[in-house]
N, C-alpha and C. Protein backbone atom coordinates (compact mmCIF):
# COMPACT_ATOMS: atom_id res chain seq x y z
N MET A 1 41.09 32.28 191.39
CA MET A 1 40.87 33.54 190.71
C MET A 1 42.11 34.41 190.88
N ASP A 2 42.50 35.08 189.80
CA ASP A 2 43.67 35.96 189.84
C ASP A 2 43.38 37.18 190.70
N GLU A 3 44.40 37.61 191.40
CA GLU A 3 44.31 38.83 192.19
C GLU A 3 44.36 40.02 191.24
N PRO A 4 43.55 41.04 191.47
CA PRO A 4 43.63 42.23 190.62
C PRO A 4 44.97 42.93 190.83
N ASN A 5 45.51 43.48 189.76
CA ASN A 5 46.76 44.20 189.85
C ASN A 5 46.44 45.66 190.14
N ASN A 6 46.88 46.12 191.30
CA ASN A 6 46.56 47.48 191.72
C ASN A 6 47.63 48.50 191.34
N GLU A 7 48.63 48.07 190.54
CA GLU A 7 49.66 49.01 190.10
C GLU A 7 49.02 50.05 189.20
N PRO A 8 49.34 51.33 189.43
CA PRO A 8 48.71 52.38 188.62
C PRO A 8 49.11 52.29 187.15
N GLN A 9 48.19 52.67 186.28
CA GLN A 9 48.48 52.72 184.86
C GLN A 9 49.49 53.83 184.59
N ILE A 10 50.29 53.65 183.56
CA ILE A 10 51.24 54.67 183.16
C ILE A 10 50.44 55.76 182.46
N THR A 11 50.66 57.00 182.85
CA THR A 11 49.89 58.08 182.25
C THR A 11 50.75 59.10 181.51
N THR A 12 52.06 58.94 181.58
CA THR A 12 52.95 59.86 180.88
C THR A 12 53.95 59.07 180.05
N GLU A 13 54.65 59.79 179.19
CA GLU A 13 55.72 59.15 178.42
C GLU A 13 56.82 58.73 179.39
N PRO A 14 57.57 57.71 179.04
CA PRO A 14 58.65 57.26 179.92
C PRO A 14 59.75 58.31 180.03
N LYS A 15 60.44 58.30 181.15
CA LYS A 15 61.58 59.19 181.36
C LYS A 15 62.82 58.45 180.87
N VAL A 16 63.33 58.89 179.73
CA VAL A 16 64.45 58.21 179.08
C VAL A 16 65.77 58.81 179.56
N PRO A 17 66.75 57.97 179.89
CA PRO A 17 68.04 58.51 180.31
C PRO A 17 68.79 59.14 179.13
N LYS A 18 69.82 59.93 179.42
CA LYS A 18 70.62 60.55 178.35
C LYS A 18 71.69 59.60 177.83
N GLN A 19 72.10 58.68 178.68
CA GLN A 19 73.09 57.66 178.31
C GLN A 19 72.43 56.29 178.40
N VAL A 20 72.90 55.34 177.59
CA VAL A 20 72.36 53.99 177.70
C VAL A 20 72.72 53.44 179.07
N PRO A 21 71.82 52.69 179.67
CA PRO A 21 72.08 52.14 181.01
C PRO A 21 73.24 51.14 181.01
N LYS A 22 73.96 51.11 182.10
CA LYS A 22 75.06 50.16 182.27
C LYS A 22 74.49 48.84 182.78
N VAL A 23 74.55 47.82 181.93
CA VAL A 23 74.09 46.49 182.31
C VAL A 23 75.01 45.45 181.69
N ILE A 24 74.84 44.21 182.12
CA ILE A 24 75.54 43.08 181.51
C ILE A 24 74.49 42.19 180.88
N PHE A 25 74.64 41.97 179.58
CA PHE A 25 73.73 41.10 178.84
C PHE A 25 74.27 39.67 178.87
N LYS A 26 73.41 38.71 179.10
CA LYS A 26 73.77 37.29 179.09
C LYS A 26 73.51 36.75 177.68
N THR A 27 74.57 36.51 176.94
CA THR A 27 74.44 36.07 175.55
C THR A 27 75.03 34.67 175.37
N ARG A 28 74.76 34.10 174.22
CA ARG A 28 75.33 32.80 173.83
C ARG A 28 76.14 33.02 172.56
N VAL A 29 77.36 32.48 172.54
CA VAL A 29 78.22 32.61 171.36
C VAL A 29 78.71 31.24 170.91
N ARG A 30 78.87 31.12 169.61
CA ARG A 30 79.37 29.87 169.05
C ARG A 30 80.83 29.70 169.44
N ASP A 31 81.18 28.48 169.87
CA ASP A 31 82.54 28.18 170.29
C ASP A 31 82.81 26.72 169.92
N GLU A 32 83.62 26.51 168.90
CA GLU A 32 83.89 25.16 168.40
C GLU A 32 84.61 24.29 169.42
N SER A 33 85.18 24.89 170.46
CA SER A 33 85.85 24.08 171.48
C SER A 33 84.85 23.41 172.42
N VAL A 34 83.58 23.81 172.33
CA VAL A 34 82.54 23.20 173.15
C VAL A 34 82.12 21.89 172.49
N ALA A 35 82.20 20.80 173.23
CA ALA A 35 81.87 19.48 172.69
C ALA A 35 80.35 19.32 172.51
N GLY A 36 79.97 18.42 171.62
CA GLY A 36 78.56 18.09 171.44
C GLY A 36 77.96 18.80 170.24
N ASN A 37 76.66 18.60 170.08
CA ASN A 37 75.97 19.15 168.91
C ASN A 37 75.44 20.57 169.14
N ASN A 38 75.79 21.17 170.27
CA ASN A 38 75.35 22.53 170.57
C ASN A 38 76.59 23.35 171.00
N PRO A 39 77.47 23.70 170.04
CA PRO A 39 78.74 24.34 170.40
C PRO A 39 78.62 25.82 170.74
N TYR A 40 77.89 26.11 171.80
CA TYR A 40 77.71 27.49 172.25
C TYR A 40 78.05 27.57 173.73
N ARG A 41 78.51 28.75 174.13
CA ARG A 41 78.81 28.99 175.55
C ARG A 41 78.22 30.35 175.94
N TRP A 42 78.04 30.52 177.24
CA TRP A 42 77.55 31.80 177.76
C TRP A 42 78.67 32.83 177.69
N GLN A 43 78.30 34.05 177.35
CA GLN A 43 79.27 35.15 177.37
C GLN A 43 78.57 36.41 177.83
N ASP A 44 79.13 37.02 178.87
CA ASP A 44 78.62 38.31 179.35
C ASP A 44 79.10 39.40 178.40
N VAL A 45 78.20 40.30 178.02
CA VAL A 45 78.54 41.43 177.16
C VAL A 45 78.05 42.69 177.87
N THR A 46 78.96 43.64 178.04
CA THR A 46 78.61 44.88 178.74
C THR A 46 78.03 45.91 177.77
N THR A 47 77.35 46.87 178.36
CA THR A 47 76.84 48.00 177.58
C THR A 47 77.98 48.70 176.85
N ASP A 48 79.11 48.89 177.53
CA ASP A 48 80.25 49.55 176.90
C ASP A 48 80.75 48.78 175.68
N GLU A 49 80.79 47.46 175.77
CA GLU A 49 81.25 46.66 174.63
C GLU A 49 80.35 46.86 173.41
N ILE A 50 79.09 47.10 173.65
CA ILE A 50 78.13 47.28 172.55
C ILE A 50 78.16 48.70 172.00
N PHE A 51 78.22 49.70 172.87
CA PHE A 51 78.00 51.08 172.46
C PHE A 51 79.24 51.99 172.42
N LYS A 52 80.27 51.69 173.20
CA LYS A 52 81.40 52.62 173.33
C LYS A 52 82.12 52.81 172.00
N GLY A 53 82.24 54.10 171.60
CA GLY A 53 82.95 54.44 170.38
C GLY A 53 82.23 54.07 169.10
N LYS A 54 80.94 53.77 169.18
CA LYS A 54 80.20 53.31 168.01
C LYS A 54 78.93 54.13 167.80
N LYS A 55 78.43 54.06 166.57
CA LYS A 55 77.13 54.61 166.22
C LYS A 55 76.19 53.42 166.05
N ILE A 56 75.19 53.37 166.91
CA ILE A 56 74.30 52.21 166.98
C ILE A 56 72.85 52.64 166.79
N VAL A 57 72.13 51.85 166.00
CA VAL A 57 70.67 51.96 165.95
C VAL A 57 70.15 50.74 166.69
N LEU A 58 69.38 50.98 167.74
CA LEU A 58 68.77 49.89 168.51
C LEU A 58 67.27 50.08 168.46
N PHE A 59 66.57 48.98 168.17
CA PHE A 59 65.11 49.01 168.28
C PHE A 59 64.70 47.89 169.22
N SER A 60 63.68 48.17 170.01
CA SER A 60 63.21 47.22 171.00
C SER A 60 61.75 46.91 170.75
N LEU A 61 61.39 45.68 171.01
CA LEU A 61 60.04 45.22 170.71
C LEU A 61 59.53 44.29 171.80
N PRO A 62 58.22 44.04 171.83
CA PRO A 62 57.63 43.24 172.91
C PRO A 62 58.06 41.79 172.97
N GLY A 63 58.27 41.14 171.82
CA GLY A 63 58.66 39.74 171.92
C GLY A 63 58.96 39.05 170.63
N ALA A 64 59.95 38.17 170.70
CA ALA A 64 60.27 37.29 169.58
C ALA A 64 59.06 36.45 169.23
N PHE A 65 58.92 36.14 167.97
CA PHE A 65 57.86 35.28 167.43
C PHE A 65 56.47 35.90 167.51
N THR A 66 56.35 37.14 167.94
CA THR A 66 55.03 37.77 168.00
C THR A 66 54.71 38.39 166.63
N PRO A 67 53.42 38.59 166.32
CA PRO A 67 53.01 38.94 164.96
C PRO A 67 53.65 40.20 164.35
N VAL A 68 53.49 41.36 164.96
CA VAL A 68 54.00 42.61 164.37
C VAL A 68 55.53 42.60 164.39
N CYS A 69 56.11 42.07 165.44
CA CYS A 69 57.57 42.02 165.55
C CYS A 69 58.17 41.17 164.43
N SER A 70 57.51 40.06 164.12
CA SER A 70 58.00 39.12 163.12
C SER A 70 57.64 39.48 161.69
N SER A 71 56.50 40.14 161.50
CA SER A 71 56.05 40.44 160.13
C SER A 71 56.54 41.79 159.62
N SER A 72 56.80 42.74 160.54
CA SER A 72 57.14 44.10 160.11
C SER A 72 58.39 44.69 160.75
N HIS A 73 58.43 44.68 162.08
CA HIS A 73 59.48 45.44 162.76
C HIS A 73 60.88 44.92 162.44
N LEU A 74 61.18 43.68 162.79
CA LEU A 74 62.50 43.10 162.52
C LEU A 74 62.78 43.02 161.02
N PRO A 75 61.85 42.53 160.18
CA PRO A 75 62.14 42.46 158.74
C PRO A 75 62.46 43.83 158.12
N GLY A 76 61.82 44.88 158.60
CA GLY A 76 62.08 46.21 158.07
C GLY A 76 63.52 46.64 158.29
N TYR A 77 64.03 46.38 159.48
CA TYR A 77 65.43 46.73 159.77
C TYR A 77 66.40 45.82 159.03
N GLU A 78 66.07 44.56 158.91
CA GLU A 78 66.93 43.62 158.17
C GLU A 78 67.04 44.05 156.71
N GLU A 79 65.91 44.41 156.10
CA GLU A 79 65.91 44.85 154.70
C GLU A 79 66.68 46.15 154.51
N ALA A 80 66.64 47.05 155.48
CA ALA A 80 67.28 48.36 155.36
C ALA A 80 68.72 48.38 155.88
N TYR A 81 69.23 47.24 156.28
CA TYR A 81 70.55 47.17 156.93
C TYR A 81 71.64 47.88 156.11
N ASP A 82 71.72 47.61 154.82
CA ASP A 82 72.76 48.22 153.99
C ASP A 82 72.64 49.74 153.95
N GLU A 83 71.42 50.25 153.98
CA GLU A 83 71.22 51.70 154.01
C GLU A 83 71.77 52.30 155.30
N PHE A 84 71.53 51.60 156.41
CA PHE A 84 72.06 52.07 157.70
C PHE A 84 73.59 52.10 157.66
N LYS A 85 74.20 51.06 157.12
CA LYS A 85 75.65 50.99 157.04
C LYS A 85 76.20 52.14 156.20
N LYS A 86 75.53 52.46 155.09
CA LYS A 86 75.97 53.56 154.23
C LYS A 86 75.90 54.91 154.95
N LEU A 87 75.05 55.00 155.95
CA LEU A 87 74.91 56.23 156.74
C LEU A 87 75.87 56.27 157.94
N GLY A 88 76.78 55.30 158.00
CA GLY A 88 77.80 55.30 159.04
C GLY A 88 77.43 54.58 160.32
N ILE A 89 76.34 53.83 160.28
CA ILE A 89 75.93 53.07 161.48
C ILE A 89 76.80 51.83 161.60
N ASP A 90 77.38 51.63 162.78
CA ASP A 90 78.25 50.48 163.00
C ASP A 90 77.47 49.19 163.17
N GLU A 91 76.32 49.28 163.85
CA GLU A 91 75.54 48.07 164.09
C GLU A 91 74.07 48.42 164.30
N VAL A 92 73.20 47.53 163.82
CA VAL A 92 71.76 47.62 164.05
C VAL A 92 71.41 46.48 164.99
N ILE A 93 70.77 46.83 166.11
CA ILE A 93 70.50 45.85 167.16
C ILE A 93 69.01 45.79 167.46
N CYS A 94 68.50 44.59 167.57
CA CYS A 94 67.12 44.34 167.99
C CYS A 94 67.16 43.78 169.41
N LEU A 95 66.51 44.46 170.34
CA LEU A 95 66.50 44.04 171.73
C LEU A 95 65.08 43.61 172.12
N SER A 96 65.00 42.55 172.90
CA SER A 96 63.71 42.11 173.42
C SER A 96 63.91 41.46 174.78
N VAL A 97 62.88 41.53 175.62
CA VAL A 97 62.92 40.86 176.91
C VAL A 97 62.58 39.39 176.66
N ASN A 98 63.54 38.72 176.07
CA ASN A 98 63.50 37.28 175.82
C ASN A 98 64.89 36.74 176.14
N ASP A 99 65.00 35.44 176.39
CA ASP A 99 66.30 34.87 176.69
C ASP A 99 67.09 34.60 175.41
N ALA A 100 68.37 34.29 175.57
CA ALA A 100 69.28 34.08 174.45
C ALA A 100 68.83 32.94 173.54
N TYR A 101 68.25 31.88 174.12
CA TYR A 101 67.80 30.74 173.31
C TYR A 101 66.66 31.14 172.39
N VAL A 102 65.70 31.87 172.93
CA VAL A 102 64.55 32.31 172.14
C VAL A 102 64.99 33.26 171.03
N MET A 103 65.86 34.21 171.37
CA MET A 103 66.33 35.17 170.37
C MET A 103 67.09 34.46 169.25
N PHE A 104 67.90 33.47 169.58
CA PHE A 104 68.65 32.72 168.58
C PHE A 104 67.70 31.98 167.63
N GLN A 105 66.72 31.29 168.19
CA GLN A 105 65.78 30.54 167.36
C GLN A 105 64.92 31.47 166.50
N TRP A 106 64.55 32.61 167.06
CA TRP A 106 63.76 33.58 166.29
C TRP A 106 64.59 34.10 165.11
N GLY A 107 65.85 34.40 165.37
CA GLY A 107 66.74 34.86 164.30
C GLY A 107 66.85 33.83 163.18
N LYS A 108 66.97 32.56 163.55
CA LYS A 108 67.01 31.50 162.54
C LYS A 108 65.70 31.44 161.76
N HIS A 109 64.59 31.50 162.48
CA HIS A 109 63.26 31.44 161.87
C HIS A 109 63.03 32.60 160.92
N GLN A 110 63.55 33.78 161.27
CA GLN A 110 63.38 34.99 160.47
C GLN A 110 64.46 35.14 159.39
N ASN A 111 65.43 34.21 159.39
CA ASN A 111 66.54 34.25 158.43
C ASN A 111 67.33 35.56 158.53
N VAL A 112 67.57 36.00 159.76
CA VAL A 112 68.30 37.24 160.01
C VAL A 112 69.79 37.01 159.75
N LYS A 113 70.36 37.86 158.92
CA LYS A 113 71.78 37.77 158.58
C LYS A 113 72.58 38.96 159.09
N ASN A 114 71.93 40.11 159.28
CA ASN A 114 72.66 41.35 159.56
C ASN A 114 72.33 41.98 160.91
N VAL A 115 71.07 42.09 161.25
CA VAL A 115 70.67 42.71 162.52
C VAL A 115 71.12 41.80 163.65
N LYS A 116 71.73 42.40 164.67
CA LYS A 116 72.16 41.64 165.84
C LYS A 116 70.99 41.53 166.80
N LEU A 117 70.67 40.33 167.23
CA LEU A 117 69.58 40.11 168.19
C LEU A 117 70.18 40.06 169.59
N LEU A 118 69.71 40.95 170.45
CA LEU A 118 70.27 41.09 171.79
C LEU A 118 69.22 40.71 172.83
N PRO A 119 69.47 39.64 173.59
CA PRO A 119 68.53 39.24 174.63
C PRO A 119 68.67 40.07 175.89
N ASP A 120 67.54 40.58 176.36
CA ASP A 120 67.48 41.29 177.65
C ASP A 120 66.61 40.43 178.56
N GLY A 121 67.06 39.19 178.76
CA GLY A 121 66.27 38.16 179.42
C GLY A 121 65.64 38.56 180.74
N SER A 122 66.38 39.25 181.57
CA SER A 122 65.86 39.67 182.87
C SER A 122 65.25 41.07 182.82
N GLY A 123 65.33 41.71 181.67
CA GLY A 123 64.74 43.03 181.52
C GLY A 123 65.49 44.15 182.20
N LEU A 124 66.75 43.93 182.54
CA LEU A 124 67.52 44.95 183.26
C LEU A 124 67.71 46.23 182.43
N PHE A 125 68.09 46.07 181.17
CA PHE A 125 68.27 47.24 180.29
C PHE A 125 66.94 47.95 180.08
N THR A 126 65.92 47.18 179.78
CA THR A 126 64.58 47.74 179.52
C THR A 126 64.07 48.50 180.72
N GLU A 127 64.24 47.93 181.91
CA GLU A 127 63.81 48.60 183.15
C GLU A 127 64.53 49.93 183.32
N LYS A 128 65.86 49.93 183.14
CA LYS A 128 66.63 51.15 183.33
C LYS A 128 66.38 52.18 182.23
N MET A 129 65.90 51.74 181.08
CA MET A 129 65.52 52.66 180.00
C MET A 129 64.17 53.31 180.29
N GLY A 130 63.44 52.79 181.30
CA GLY A 130 62.11 53.30 181.60
C GLY A 130 61.06 52.78 180.64
N MET A 131 61.35 51.68 179.97
CA MET A 131 60.47 51.17 178.91
C MET A 131 59.74 49.86 179.28
N MET A 132 59.86 49.44 180.53
CA MET A 132 59.21 48.19 180.93
C MET A 132 57.71 48.43 181.14
N VAL A 133 56.90 47.57 180.53
CA VAL A 133 55.46 47.60 180.74
C VAL A 133 54.97 46.19 181.01
N ARG A 134 53.84 46.10 181.67
CA ARG A 134 53.18 44.80 181.87
C ARG A 134 52.32 44.51 180.64
N LYS A 135 52.38 43.27 180.18
CA LYS A 135 51.50 42.83 179.10
C LYS A 135 50.75 41.58 179.59
N ASP A 136 50.25 41.69 180.82
CA ASP A 136 49.52 40.58 181.42
C ASP A 136 48.24 40.25 180.66
N ASN A 137 47.69 41.25 179.97
CA ASN A 137 46.47 41.02 179.20
C ASN A 137 46.72 40.00 178.08
N LEU A 138 47.98 39.80 177.70
CA LEU A 138 48.33 38.82 176.67
C LEU A 138 49.08 37.62 177.26
N GLY A 139 49.27 37.63 178.58
CA GLY A 139 50.00 36.54 179.22
C GLY A 139 51.51 36.63 179.01
N PHE A 140 52.01 37.81 178.66
CA PHE A 140 53.44 37.98 178.39
C PHE A 140 54.23 38.35 179.64
N GLY A 141 53.56 38.90 180.65
CA GLY A 141 54.29 39.41 181.80
C GLY A 141 54.95 40.73 181.46
N LYS A 142 56.12 40.99 182.03
CA LYS A 142 56.82 42.25 181.80
C LYS A 142 57.58 42.18 180.48
N ARG A 143 57.40 43.22 179.66
CA ARG A 143 58.04 43.29 178.34
C ARG A 143 58.44 44.73 178.04
N SER A 144 59.20 44.88 176.97
CA SER A 144 59.60 46.22 176.55
C SER A 144 58.49 46.86 175.74
N TRP A 145 58.32 48.17 175.95
CA TRP A 145 57.49 48.96 175.04
C TRP A 145 58.28 49.07 173.73
N ARG A 146 57.59 49.25 172.63
CA ARG A 146 58.24 49.33 171.33
C ARG A 146 58.84 50.74 171.12
N TYR A 147 60.13 50.77 170.79
CA TYR A 147 60.83 52.03 170.53
C TYR A 147 62.06 51.77 169.66
N SER A 148 62.64 52.84 169.14
CA SER A 148 63.93 52.76 168.47
C SER A 148 64.75 53.96 168.90
N MET A 149 66.09 53.81 168.85
CA MET A 149 66.94 54.93 169.22
C MET A 149 68.25 54.89 168.45
N TYR A 150 68.78 56.10 168.29
CA TYR A 150 70.10 56.28 167.68
C TYR A 150 71.04 56.67 168.80
N VAL A 151 72.15 55.93 168.92
CA VAL A 151 73.08 56.12 170.03
C VAL A 151 74.49 56.33 169.47
N GLU A 152 75.16 57.37 169.94
CA GLU A 152 76.56 57.63 169.59
C GLU A 152 77.40 57.53 170.85
N ASP A 153 78.33 56.60 170.87
CA ASP A 153 79.26 56.44 171.99
C ASP A 153 78.52 56.39 173.34
N GLY A 154 77.41 55.70 173.37
CA GLY A 154 76.64 55.53 174.60
C GLY A 154 75.64 56.63 174.89
N GLU A 155 75.69 57.74 174.15
CA GLU A 155 74.75 58.84 174.36
C GLU A 155 73.54 58.67 173.44
N ILE A 156 72.36 58.71 174.03
CA ILE A 156 71.12 58.60 173.26
C ILE A 156 70.87 59.93 172.56
N LYS A 157 71.04 59.94 171.25
CA LYS A 157 70.89 61.17 170.46
C LYS A 157 69.44 61.38 170.03
N LYS A 158 68.72 60.30 169.76
CA LYS A 158 67.32 60.40 169.31
C LYS A 158 66.60 59.12 169.68
N ILE A 159 65.37 59.26 170.14
CA ILE A 159 64.55 58.08 170.46
C ILE A 159 63.15 58.29 169.90
N PHE A 160 62.62 57.25 169.31
CA PHE A 160 61.26 57.24 168.79
C PHE A 160 60.47 56.23 169.61
N ILE A 161 59.50 56.72 170.38
CA ILE A 161 58.69 55.88 171.26
C ILE A 161 57.28 55.79 170.68
N GLU A 162 56.79 54.57 170.56
CA GLU A 162 55.45 54.38 170.01
C GLU A 162 54.41 55.03 170.93
N PRO A 163 53.33 55.56 170.34
CA PRO A 163 52.28 56.21 171.14
C PRO A 163 51.52 55.19 171.99
N GLY A 164 50.89 55.70 173.05
CA GLY A 164 50.04 54.87 173.89
C GLY A 164 50.76 54.12 174.99
N PHE A 165 51.96 54.57 175.33
CA PHE A 165 52.77 53.91 176.36
C PHE A 165 51.93 53.61 177.59
N SER A 166 51.70 52.32 177.87
CA SER A 166 50.87 51.93 179.02
C SER A 166 51.00 50.45 179.29
N HIS A 167 50.60 50.09 180.50
CA HIS A 167 50.49 48.67 180.84
C HIS A 167 49.27 48.10 180.15
N ASP A 168 49.38 46.81 179.78
CA ASP A 168 48.25 46.07 179.19
C ASP A 168 47.59 46.80 178.03
N CYS A 169 48.41 47.43 177.22
CA CYS A 169 47.91 48.17 176.06
C CYS A 169 47.19 47.21 175.11
N PRO A 170 45.97 47.54 174.70
CA PRO A 170 45.23 46.64 173.81
C PRO A 170 45.78 46.66 172.38
N ASP A 171 46.58 47.68 172.05
CA ASP A 171 47.14 47.79 170.71
C ASP A 171 48.63 47.46 170.74
N ASP A 172 49.19 47.28 169.57
CA ASP A 172 50.62 47.05 169.43
C ASP A 172 51.12 47.96 168.31
N PRO A 173 51.19 49.27 168.58
CA PRO A 173 51.50 50.22 167.51
C PRO A 173 52.91 50.07 166.95
N LEU A 174 53.01 50.27 165.65
CA LEU A 174 54.29 50.36 164.96
C LEU A 174 54.16 51.50 163.97
N GLU A 175 54.35 52.71 164.50
CA GLU A 175 54.17 53.93 163.71
C GLU A 175 55.44 54.75 163.58
N VAL A 176 56.28 54.78 164.62
CA VAL A 176 57.44 55.66 164.60
C VAL A 176 58.77 54.97 164.91
N SER A 177 58.74 53.72 165.32
CA SER A 177 59.99 53.03 165.65
C SER A 177 60.45 52.11 164.53
N ASP A 178 59.85 52.27 163.37
CA ASP A 178 60.18 51.45 162.21
C ASP A 178 61.48 51.91 161.56
N ALA A 179 62.02 51.08 160.67
CA ALA A 179 63.28 51.38 159.99
C ALA A 179 63.17 52.63 159.12
N LYS A 180 62.05 52.82 158.45
CA LYS A 180 61.88 53.96 157.55
C LYS A 180 62.00 55.28 158.32
N THR A 181 61.35 55.38 159.47
CA THR A 181 61.42 56.60 160.28
C THR A 181 62.85 56.87 160.74
N MET A 182 63.54 55.83 161.19
CA MET A 182 64.92 56.00 161.64
C MET A 182 65.82 56.42 160.48
N LEU A 183 65.62 55.82 159.32
CA LEU A 183 66.42 56.20 158.15
C LEU A 183 66.20 57.67 157.78
N GLN A 184 64.95 58.10 157.81
CA GLN A 184 64.64 59.50 157.49
C GLN A 184 65.35 60.43 158.47
N TYR A 185 65.34 60.07 159.75
CA TYR A 185 66.00 60.89 160.75
C TYR A 185 67.51 60.95 160.47
N LEU A 186 68.14 59.81 160.24
CA LEU A 186 69.59 59.78 160.01
C LEU A 186 69.97 60.55 158.74
N LYS A 187 69.16 60.47 157.72
CA LYS A 187 69.42 61.21 156.47
C LYS A 187 69.30 62.71 156.69
N SER A 188 68.45 63.11 157.63
CA SER A 188 68.28 64.55 157.93
C SER A 188 69.53 65.13 158.59
N LEU A 189 70.41 64.29 159.12
CA LEU A 189 71.62 64.74 159.79
C LEU A 189 72.75 65.04 158.80
N ILE A 190 72.57 64.58 157.58
CA ILE A 190 73.63 64.73 156.57
C ILE A 190 73.64 66.15 156.03
């Protein structure tokens, strides 16, 4: 029998930092010098390499291959990619607490051409963002709460956090972290 989890439920909104957390992401990049039928190698990518001197829209979701993430969240940003670029966004990034292999296969499955998929395999970025929740009720373990943010040169200018922030949330809301909401916000800045 499983031991009950005595960790208290989250009762407030997460405390979001003003700057994106400093972490190193473990990514895989194509490298033709790698022999064999899998020409990829590991490459560490820092937070600064992703955000410094750039305007970034990042959205985070509970997991690759999951229903709402695959049917609505990621496709919405992929479809709106050109609109984001016209508004001066350098890159649109999808982050999930999944490893690089899973994110790569999900991107292929979703036919993603524009949105960059960023693996937060160990959840270091998500933890430091204050967005880590348990999803043990679904057998997922620790995952990111769903949110989106606009970042300029590492400074978090705006964040949209889905309602109901909690461990083992029975719902999977997608109300405010969608591409449409982010586009409306960015257009309001013009």
